[in-house]
């Protein structure tokens, strides 16, 4: 398979629990030697891009900031383009990537990411009231859960669904599997170079990663690491299934 470029999910694909997935470091080095461009596209909303770079470095993965895309980065672009002020339901560690002036009174939008244990009735009710007054709900993503070590934890998706139901609206999705998110990553990938073959997305979620990428015209590979659960490879239509990212060079060579 002659691929022009590669998009990687991070957590569960390249790293997990603060350590690199076996073979991840070698795979990135292999792509660099062959001058195959890659980007890291993650739905994390608990870290700024700077902190993502730092955590990757601590895991032994050296990646420059411009090669990383998050929904918060995408949201900042949307707010700037539309000249909106938003209320942020976002982890404070990610706020540095957003416009510093948040809405104090009537908000144009409510941006929701993963607040973890800080989600509570008061937080959700304030967001609900803004939505009832006409604010648009911007969802960084709608992932149902994420893995901490071997324990599944609720992600932002269930709370997005609660606000959608309560306010009788539909959230505008910003991160994976939204097509514009993948399209922005592809534009970044080929900036200043020709695309001579397909772009491949590699993820551990059959829906947000693989099917989202395929809907955007990319090839989607599913890895059996991270949030992968037995039987996920029978859901959707992955273009390939790998035991781990370490198998990528062999798949590309085939």
C-alpha atoms as a PDB file:
ATOM      1  CA  UNK A   1       0.000   0.000   0.000  1.00  0.00           C
ATOM      2  CA  UNK A   2       1.539   3.288  -1.148  1.00  0.00           C
ATOM      3  CA  UNK A   3       0.276   5.850   1.364  1.00  0.00           C
ATOM      4  CA  UNK A   4       0.909   9.574   0.947  1.00  0.00           C
ATOM      5  CA  UNK A   5       0.455  10.342   4.620  1.00  0.00           C
ATOM      6  CA  UNK A   6      -0.627   8.943   7.964  1.00  0.00           C
ATOM      7  CA  UNK A   7      -2.926  10.257  10.692  1.00  0.00           C
ATOM      8  CA  UNK A   8      -2.556   8.703  14.138  1.00  0.00           C
ATOM      9  CA  UNK A   9      -4.798   8.787  17.142  1.00  0.00           C
ATOM     10  CA  UNK A  10      -2.584   9.133  20.218  1.00  0.00           C
ATOM     11  CA  UNK A  11      -4.036   7.507  23.327  1.00  0.00           C
ATOM     12  CA  UNK A  12      -4.370   3.775  22.836  1.00  0.00           C
ATOM     13  CA  UNK A  13      -2.516   3.842  19.513  1.00  0.00           C
ATOM     14  CA  UNK A  14       0.876   5.464  20.118  1.00  0.00           C
ATOM     15  CA  UNK A  15       0.844   5.700  23.914  1.00  0.00           C
ATOM     16  CA  UNK A  16      -1.097   4.358  26.856  1.00  0.00           C
ATOM     17  CA  UNK A  17      -0.820   5.044  30.563  1.00  0.00           C
ATOM     18  CA  UNK A  18       2.187   7.321  30.149  1.00  0.00           C
ATOM     19  CA  UNK A  19       4.212   4.793  28.166  1.00  0.00           C
ATOM     20  CA  UNK A  20       4.603   4.291  24.411  1.00  0.00           C
ATOM     21  CA  UNK A  21       2.844   1.372  22.778  1.00  0.00           C
ATOM     22  CA  UNK A  22       5.454  -1.217  21.816  1.00  0.00           C
ATOM     23  CA  UNK A  23       6.882  -0.284  18.440  1.00  0.00           C
ATOM     24  CA  UNK A  24       5.415   3.245  18.327  1.00  0.00           C
ATOM     25  CA  UNK A  25       8.760   5.036  18.528  1.00  0.00           C
ATOM     26  CA  UNK A  26      10.201   2.827  15.788  1.00  0.00           C
ATOM     27  CA  UNK A  27       7.187   3.372  13.525  1.00  0.00           C
ATOM     28  CA  UNK A  28       7.460   7.166  13.700  1.00  0.00           C
ATOM     29  CA  UNK A  29      11.192   6.935  12.982  1.00  0.00           C
ATOM     30  CA  UNK A  30      10.468   4.579  10.056  1.00  0.00           C
ATOM     31  CA  UNK A  31       8.016   7.078   8.551  1.00  0.00           C
ATOM     32  CA  UNK A  32      10.466   9.930   9.005  1.00  0.00           C
ATOM     33  CA  UNK A  33      13.243   8.028   7.216  1.00  0.00           C
ATOM     34  CA  UNK A  34      10.918   7.394   4.289  1.00  0.00           C
ATOM     35  CA  UNK A  35       9.688  10.976   4.279  1.00  0.00           C
ATOM     36  CA  UNK A  36       6.087   9.908   4.750  1.00  0.00           C
ATOM     37  CA  UNK A  37       4.369  12.809   6.540  1.00  0.00           C
ATOM     38  CA  UNK A  38       2.193  12.168   9.561  1.00  0.00           C
ATOM     39  CA  UNK A  39       0.005  14.059  12.002  1.00  0.00           C
ATOM     40  CA  UNK A  40      -1.359  13.162  15.421  1.00  0.00           C
ATOM     41  CA  UNK A  41      -5.102  13.793  15.684  1.00  0.00           C
ATOM     42  CA  UNK A  42      -6.527  13.344  19.143  1.00  0.00           C
ATOM     43  CA  UNK A  43      -9.877  14.025  20.774  1.00  0.00           C
ATOM     44  CA  UNK A  44      -8.269  14.897  24.090  1.00  0.00           C
ATOM     45  CA  UNK A  45      -9.673  18.027  25.719  1.00  0.00           C
ATOM     46  CA  UNK A  46      -7.881  17.724  29.044  1.00  0.00           C
ATOM     47  CA  UNK A  47      -4.566  19.106  27.784  1.00  0.00           C
ATOM     48  CA  UNK A  48      -3.342  22.008  25.705  1.00  0.00           C
ATOM     49  CA  UNK A  49      -1.293  21.194  22.652  1.00  0.00           C
ATOM     50  CA  UNK A  50       1.818  22.199  24.609  1.00  0.00           C
ATOM     51  CA  UNK A  51       0.980  19.694  27.343  1.00  0.00           C
ATOM     52  CA  UNK A  52       0.284  16.989  24.750  1.00  0.00           C
ATOM     53  CA  UNK A  53       3.800  17.557  23.391  1.00  0.00           C
ATOM     54  CA  UNK A  54       5.222  17.347  26.920  1.00  0.00           C
ATOM     55  CA  UNK A  55       3.383  14.137  27.754  1.00  0.00           C
ATOM     56  CA  UNK A  56       4.479  12.549  24.495  1.00  0.00           C
ATOM     57  CA  UNK A  57       8.078  13.512  25.199  1.00  0.00           C
ATOM     58  CA  UNK A  58       7.816  11.919  28.636  1.00  0.00           C
ATOM     59  CA  UNK A  59       6.637   8.764  26.862  1.00  0.00           C
ATOM     60  CA  UNK A  60       9.667   8.830  24.567  1.00  0.00           C
ATOM     61  CA  UNK A  61       7.792  10.231  21.563  1.00  0.00           C
ATOM     62  CA  UNK A  62       9.245  13.463  20.179  1.00  0.00           C
ATOM     63  CA  UNK A  63       6.674  15.290  18.061  1.00  0.00           C
ATOM     64  CA  UNK A  64       6.628  19.053  17.300  1.00  0.00           C
ATOM     65  CA  UNK A  65       3.484  21.023  18.250  1.00  0.00           C
ATOM     66  CA  UNK A  66       2.492  21.780  14.654  1.00  0.00           C
ATOM     67  CA  UNK A  67       2.050  18.058  14.003  1.00  0.00           C
ATOM     68  CA  UNK A  68      -0.693  17.757  16.618  1.00  0.00           C
ATOM     69  CA  UNK A  69      -4.363  18.624  16.189  1.00  0.00           C
ATOM     70  CA  UNK A  70      -6.958  18.651  18.964  1.00  0.00           C
ATOM     71  CA  UNK A  71     -10.640  19.646  19.035  1.00  0.00           C
ATOM     72  CA  UNK A  72      -9.722  22.603  21.249  1.00  0.00           C
ATOM     73  CA  UNK A  73      -7.385  23.934  18.553  1.00  0.00           C
ATOM     74  CA  UNK A  74     -10.169  23.452  16.005  1.00  0.00           C
ATOM     75  CA  UNK A  75     -12.688  25.156  18.315  1.00  0.00           C
ATOM     76  CA  UNK A  76     -10.420  28.189  18.731  1.00  0.00           C
ATOM     77  CA  UNK A  77     -10.385  28.582  14.948  1.00  0.00           C
ATOM     78  CA  UNK A  78     -14.176  28.335  14.743  1.00  0.00           C
ATOM     79  CA  UNK A  79     -14.724  30.922  17.492  1.00  0.00           C
ATOM     80  CA  UNK A  80     -12.282  33.319  15.843  1.00  0.00           C
ATOM     81  CA  UNK A  81     -13.797  32.853  12.390  1.00  0.00           C
ATOM     82  CA  UNK A  82     -17.364  33.379  13.606  1.00  0.00           C
ATOM     83  CA  UNK A  83     -16.420  36.115  16.098  1.00  0.00           C
ATOM     84  CA  UNK A  84     -18.203  34.248  18.860  1.00  0.00           C
ATOM     85  CA  UNK A  85     -17.695  34.412  22.585  1.00  0.00           C
ATOM     86  CA  UNK A  86     -18.248  31.123  24.373  1.00  0.00           C
ATOM     87  CA  UNK A  87     -18.748  29.614  27.765  1.00  0.00           C
ATOM     88  CA  UNK A  88     -16.123  26.939  28.320  1.00  0.00           C
ATOM     89  CA  UNK A  89     -16.862  23.568  29.880  1.00  0.00           C
ATOM     90  CA  UNK A  90     -13.259  22.582  29.318  1.00  0.00           C
ATOM     91  CA  UNK A  91     -10.458  21.377  31.571  1.00  0.00           C
ATOM     92  CA  UNK A  92      -8.424  24.364  32.759  1.00  0.00           C
ATOM     93  CA  UNK A  93      -5.258  22.743  31.389  1.00  0.00           C
ATOM     94  CA  UNK A  94      -6.567  23.217  27.843  1.00  0.00           C
ATOM     95  CA  UNK A  95      -7.709  26.822  28.212  1.00  0.00           C
ATOM     96  CA  UNK A  96      -4.444  28.293  26.932  1.00  0.00           C
ATOM     97  CA  UNK A  97      -5.381  27.143  23.419  1.00  0.00           C
ATOM     98  CA  UNK A  98      -8.670  29.092  23.481  1.00  0.00           C
ATOM     99  CA  UNK A  99      -9.461  32.816  23.214  1.00  0.00           C
ATOM    100  CA  UNK A 100      -8.799  34.292  26.649  1.00  0.00           C
ATOM    101  CA  UNK A 101     -11.992  36.336  26.707  1.00  0.00           C
ATOM    102  CA  UNK A 102     -14.802  33.946  27.587  1.00  0.00           C
ATOM    103  CA  UNK A 103     -18.436  35.061  27.629  1.00  0.00           C
ATOM    104  CA  UNK A 104     -19.537  36.549  30.933  1.00  0.00           C
ATOM    105  CA  UNK A 105     -23.203  37.160  30.184  1.00  0.00           C
ATOM    106  CA  UNK A 106     -25.018  35.987  27.060  1.00  0.00           C
ATOM    107  CA  UNK A 107     -22.810  33.514  25.223  1.00  0.00           C
ATOM    108  CA  UNK A 108     -22.882  32.823  21.506  1.00  0.00           C
ATOM    109  CA  UNK A 109     -21.808  29.243  22.172  1.00  0.00           C
ATOM    110  CA  UNK A 110     -21.162  26.671  24.868  1.00  0.00           C
ATOM    111  CA  UNK A 111     -17.990  24.664  24.229  1.00  0.00           C
ATOM    112  CA  UNK A 112     -17.999  21.332  26.036  1.00  0.00           C
ATOM    113  CA  UNK A 113     -15.072  18.971  26.455  1.00  0.00           C
ATOM    114  CA  UNK A 114     -14.220  16.459  29.149  1.00  0.00           C
ATOM    115  CA  UNK A 115     -14.437  17.933  32.657  1.00  0.00           C
ATOM    116  CA  UNK A 116     -14.235  14.544  34.353  1.00  0.00           C
ATOM    117  CA  UNK A 117     -15.133  14.728  38.041  1.00  0.00           C
ATOM    118  CA  UNK A 118     -15.900  18.464  37.686  1.00  0.00           C
ATOM    119  CA  UNK A 119     -19.093  17.695  35.818  1.00  0.00           C
ATOM    120  CA  UNK A 120     -21.955  18.336  38.227  1.00  0.00           C
ATOM    121  CA  UNK A 121     -25.534  19.606  38.235  1.00  0.00           C
ATOM    122  CA  UNK A 122     -24.636  23.284  38.606  1.00  0.00           C
ATOM    123  CA  UNK A 123     -22.123  23.203  35.745  1.00  0.00           C
ATOM    124  CA  UNK A 124     -24.520  21.427  33.398  1.00  0.00           C
ATOM    125  CA  UNK A 125     -27.490  23.573  34.427  1.00  0.00           C
ATOM    126  CA  UNK A 126     -25.639  26.829  33.711  1.00  0.00           C
ATOM    127  CA  UNK A 127     -24.750  25.493  30.278  1.00  0.00           C
ATOM    128  CA  UNK A 128     -28.352  24.389  29.769  1.00  0.00           C
ATOM    129  CA  UNK A 129     -29.608  27.891  30.589  1.00  0.00           C
ATOM    130  CA  UNK A 130     -27.239  29.453  28.042  1.00  0.00           C
ATOM    131  CA  UNK A 131     -28.472  27.001  25.416  1.00  0.00           C
ATOM    132  CA  UNK A 132     -32.103  27.824  26.183  1.00  0.00           C
ATOM    133  CA  UNK A 133     -31.215  31.491  25.616  1.00  0.00           C
ATOM    134  CA  UNK A 134     -29.981  30.690  22.118  1.00  0.00           C
ATOM    135  CA  UNK A 135     -26.328  29.668  22.469  1.00  0.00           C
ATOM    136  CA  UNK A 136     -24.979  27.029  20.076  1.00  0.00           C
ATOM    137  CA  UNK A 137     -23.616  23.821  21.617  1.00  0.00           C
ATOM    138  CA  UNK A 138     -20.106  23.047  20.333  1.00  0.00           C
ATOM    139  CA  UNK A 139     -19.026  19.531  21.298  1.00  0.00           C
ATOM    140  CA  UNK A 140     -15.299  18.835  21.196  1.00  0.00           C
ATOM    141  CA  UNK A 141     -16.274  15.202  20.735  1.00  0.00           C
ATOM    142  CA  UNK A 142     -18.919  12.676  21.769  1.00  0.00           C
ATOM    143  CA  UNK A 143     -16.754   9.784  22.931  1.00  0.00           C
ATOM    144  CA  UNK A 144     -18.649   7.574  25.357  1.00  0.00           C
ATOM    145  CA  UNK A 145     -15.681   6.532  27.487  1.00  0.00           C
ATOM    146  CA  UNK A 146     -11.906   6.447  27.705  1.00  0.00           C
ATOM    147  CA  UNK A 147      -9.471   4.054  29.348  1.00  0.00           C
ATOM    148  CA  UNK A 148      -7.378   4.865  32.399  1.00  0.00           C
ATOM    149  CA  UNK A 149      -5.008   1.929  32.745  1.00  0.00           C
ATOM    150  CA  UNK A 150      -7.549  -0.917  32.463  1.00  0.00           C
ATOM    151  CA  UNK A 151     -10.537   1.005  33.824  1.00  0.00           C
ATOM    152  CA  UNK A 152     -13.196   2.546  31.540  1.00  0.00           C
ATOM    153  CA  UNK A 153     -14.227   6.080  32.566  1.00  0.00           C
ATOM    154  CA  UNK A 154     -17.094   8.226  31.287  1.00  0.00           C
ATOM    155  CA  UNK A 155     -15.999  10.713  28.639  1.00  0.00           C
ATOM    156  CA  UNK A 156     -17.727  13.899  27.437  1.00  0.00           C
ATOM    157  CA  UNK A 157     -20.238  12.186  25.144  1.00  0.00           C
ATOM    158  CA  UNK A 158     -22.856  11.286  27.769  1.00  0.00           C
ATOM    159  CA  UNK A 159     -22.868  14.881  29.056  1.00  0.00           C
ATOM    160  CA  UNK A 160     -23.195  16.263  25.536  1.00  0.00           C
ATOM    161  CA  UNK A 161     -26.178  13.955  25.064  1.00  0.00           C
ATOM    162  CA  UNK A 162     -27.752  15.228  28.307  1.00  0.00           C
ATOM    163  CA  UNK A 163     -27.527  18.849  27.146  1.00  0.00           C
ATOM    164  CA  UNK A 164     -28.833  17.976  23.687  1.00  0.00           C
ATOM    165  CA  UNK A 165     -31.818  16.200  25.231  1.00  0.00           C
ATOM    166  CA  UNK A 166     -32.532  18.872  27.824  1.00  0.00           C
ATOM    167  CA  UNK A 167     -32.262  21.842  25.473  1.00  0.00           C
ATOM    168  CA  UNK A 168     -33.818  19.989  22.518  1.00  0.00           C
ATOM    169  CA  UNK A 169     -30.947  20.889  20.212  1.00  0.00           C
ATOM    170  CA  UNK A 170     -28.198  19.132  18.279  1.00  0.00           C
ATOM    171  CA  UNK A 171     -24.567  19.794  19.093  1.00  0.00           C
ATOM    172  CA  UNK A 172     -22.133  20.855  16.393  1.00  0.00           C
ATOM    173  CA  UNK A 173     -19.365  18.273  16.526  1.00  0.00           C
ATOM    174  CA  UNK A 174     -15.817  19.627  16.232  1.00  0.00           C
ATOM    175  CA  UNK A 175     -13.446  16.686  16.778  1.00  0.00           C
ATOM    176  CA  UNK A 176     -13.466  13.134  15.456  1.00  0.00           C
ATOM    177  CA  UNK A 177     -15.521  11.819  13.687  1.00  0.00           C
ATOM    178  CA  UNK A 178     -16.512  15.194  12.197  1.00  0.00           C
ATOM    179  CA  UNK A 179     -15.492  15.415   8.555  1.00  0.00           C
ATOM    180  CA  UNK A 180     -14.109  19.004   8.840  1.00  0.00           C
ATOM    181  CA  UNK A 181     -11.705  17.843  11.561  1.00  0.00           C
ATOM    182  CA  UNK A 182     -10.211  15.174   9.288  1.00  0.00           C
ATOM    183  CA  UNK A 183     -10.154  17.567   6.335  1.00  0.00           C
ATOM    184  CA  UNK A 184      -8.217  20.143   8.364  1.00  0.00           C
ATOM    185  CA  UNK A 185      -5.711  17.469   9.386  1.00  0.00           C
ATOM    186  CA  UNK A 186      -5.247  16.416   5.755  1.00  0.00           C
ATOM    187  CA  UNK A 187      -4.687  20.021   4.666  1.00  0.00           C
ATOM    188  CA  UNK A 188      -1.993  20.352   7.310  1.00  0.00           C
ATOM    189  CA  UNK A 189      -0.470  17.042   6.260  1.00  0.00           C
ATOM    190  CA  UNK A 190       0.062  18.014   2.621  1.00  0.00           C
ATOM    191  CA  UNK A 191       0.780  21.704   2.991  1.00  0.00           C
ATOM    192  CA  UNK A 192       3.498  22.455   0.455  1.00  0.00           C
ATOM    193  CA  UNK A 193       3.640  18.937  -0.969  1.00  0.00           C
ATOM    194  CA  UNK A 194       1.751  16.772  -3.435  1.00  0.00           C
ATOM    195  CA  UNK A 195      -0.615  14.000  -2.350  1.00  0.00           C
ATOM    196  CA  UNK A 196       0.420  10.990  -4.424  1.00  0.00           C
ATOM    197  CA  UNK A 197      -1.702   8.327  -2.756  1.00  0.00           C
ATOM    198  CA  UNK A 198      -4.306   7.686  -0.069  1.00  0.00           C
ATOM    199  CA  UNK A 199      -4.192   9.066   3.463  1.00  0.00           C
ATOM    200  CA  UNK A 200      -4.447   6.453   6.216  1.00  0.00           C
ATOM    201  CA  UNK A 201      -6.010   7.042   9.638  1.00  0.00           C
ATOM    202  CA  UNK A 202      -5.042   4.676  12.457  1.00  0.00           C
ATOM    203  CA  UNK A 203      -7.172   4.487  15.586  1.00  0.00           C
ATOM    204  CA  UNK A 204      -8.410   2.270  18.390  1.00  0.00           C
ATOM    205  CA  UNK A 205     -12.064   3.367  18.065  1.00  0.00           C
ATOM    206  CA  UNK A 206     -14.002   1.751  15.254  1.00  0.00           C
ATOM    207  CA  UNK A 207     -16.526   4.613  15.137  1.00  0.00           C
ATOM    208  CA  UNK A 208     -14.827   7.962  15.792  1.00  0.00           C
ATOM    209  CA  UNK A 209     -11.470   6.999  14.287  1.00  0.00           C
ATOM    210  CA  UNK A 210     -12.067   4.435  11.560  1.00  0.00           C
ATOM    211  CA  UNK A 211     -15.574   5.126  10.290  1.00  0.00           C
ATOM    212  CA  UNK A 212     -15.117   8.870  10.725  1.00  0.00           C
ATOM    213  CA  UNK A 213     -11.987   8.769   8.587  1.00  0.00           C
ATOM    214  CA  UNK A 214     -13.595   6.603   5.918  1.00  0.00           C
ATOM    215  CA  UNK A 215     -16.573   8.965   5.710  1.00  0.00           C
ATOM    216  CA  UNK A 216     -14.077  11.756   5.026  1.00  0.00           C
ATOM    217  CA  UNK A 217     -12.511   9.802   2.155  1.00  0.00           C
ATOM    218  CA  UNK A 218      -9.537   8.345   4.027  1.00  0.00           C
ATOM    219  CA  UNK A 219      -8.535   4.743   4.641  1.00  0.00           C
ATOM    220  CA  UNK A 220      -9.215   3.608   8.201  1.00  0.00           C
ATOM    221  CA  UNK A 221      -7.121   1.089  10.137  1.00  0.00           C
ATOM    222  CA  UNK A 222      -8.235  -0.294  13.497  1.00  0.00           C
ATOM    223  CA  UNK A 223      -5.684  -1.386  16.111  1.00  0.00           C
ATOM    224  CA  UNK A 224      -6.407  -3.955  18.810  1.00  0.00           C
ATOM    225  CA  UNK A 225      -4.979  -1.763  21.582  1.00  0.00           C
ATOM    226  CA  UNK A 226      -6.356   1.048  23.773  1.00  0.00           C
ATOM    227  CA  UNK A 227     -10.165   1.152  23.889  1.00  0.00           C
ATOM    228  CA  UNK A 228     -10.505  -1.700  21.392  1.00  0.00           C
ATOM    229  CA  UNK A 229     -12.973  -4.326  22.596  1.00  0.00           C
ATOM    230  CA  UNK A 230     -13.423  -7.847  21.244  1.00  0.00           C
ATOM    231  CA  UNK A 231     -15.692  -7.716  18.218  1.00  0.00           C
ATOM    232  CA  UNK A 232     -14.974  -4.081  17.298  1.00  0.00           C
ATOM    233  CA  UNK A 233     -13.263  -5.292  14.126  1.00  0.00           C
ATOM    234  CA  UNK A 234     -16.642  -6.652  13.007  1.00  0.00           C
ATOM    235  CA  UNK A 235     -18.271  -3.237  13.341  1.00  0.00           C
ATOM    236  CA  UNK A 236     -18.130  -0.811  10.467  1.00  0.00           C
ATOM    237  CA  UNK A 237     -15.840  -1.505   7.527  1.00  0.00           C
ATOM    238  CA  UNK A 238     -12.181  -1.032   8.465  1.00  0.00           C
ATOM    239  CA  UNK A 239      -9.713  -1.129   5.601  1.00  0.00           C
ATOM    240  CA  UNK A 240      -7.429  -3.177   7.815  1.00  0.00           C
ATOM    241  CA  UNK A 241      -7.032  -4.435  11.385  1.00  0.00           C
ATOM    242  CA  UNK A 242      -3.644  -4.441  13.127  1.00  0.00           C
ATOM    243  CA  UNK A 243      -2.696  -6.050  16.410  1.00  0.00           C
ATOM    244  CA  UNK A 244      -0.824  -2.822  17.172  1.00  0.00           C
ATOM    245  CA  UNK A 245       0.754   0.181  15.476  1.00  0.00           C
ATOM    246  CA  UNK A 246       3.992  -1.814  15.279  1.00  0.00           C
ATOM    247  CA  UNK A 247       2.424  -3.738  12.371  1.00  0.00           C
ATOM    248  CA  UNK A 248       1.953  -0.606  10.236  1.00  0.00           C
ATOM    249  CA  UNK A 249       5.163  -0.897   8.144  1.00  0.00           C
ATOM    250  CA  UNK A 250       4.302  -4.476   7.216  1.00  0.00           C
ATOM    251  CA  UNK A 251       0.740  -3.459   6.267  1.00  0.00           C
ATOM    252  CA  UNK A 252       2.014  -0.604   4.115  1.00  0.00           C
ATOM    253  CA  UNK A 253       4.525  -2.906   2.455  1.00  0.00           C
ATOM    254  CA  UNK A 254       1.808  -5.423   1.630  1.00  0.00           C
END
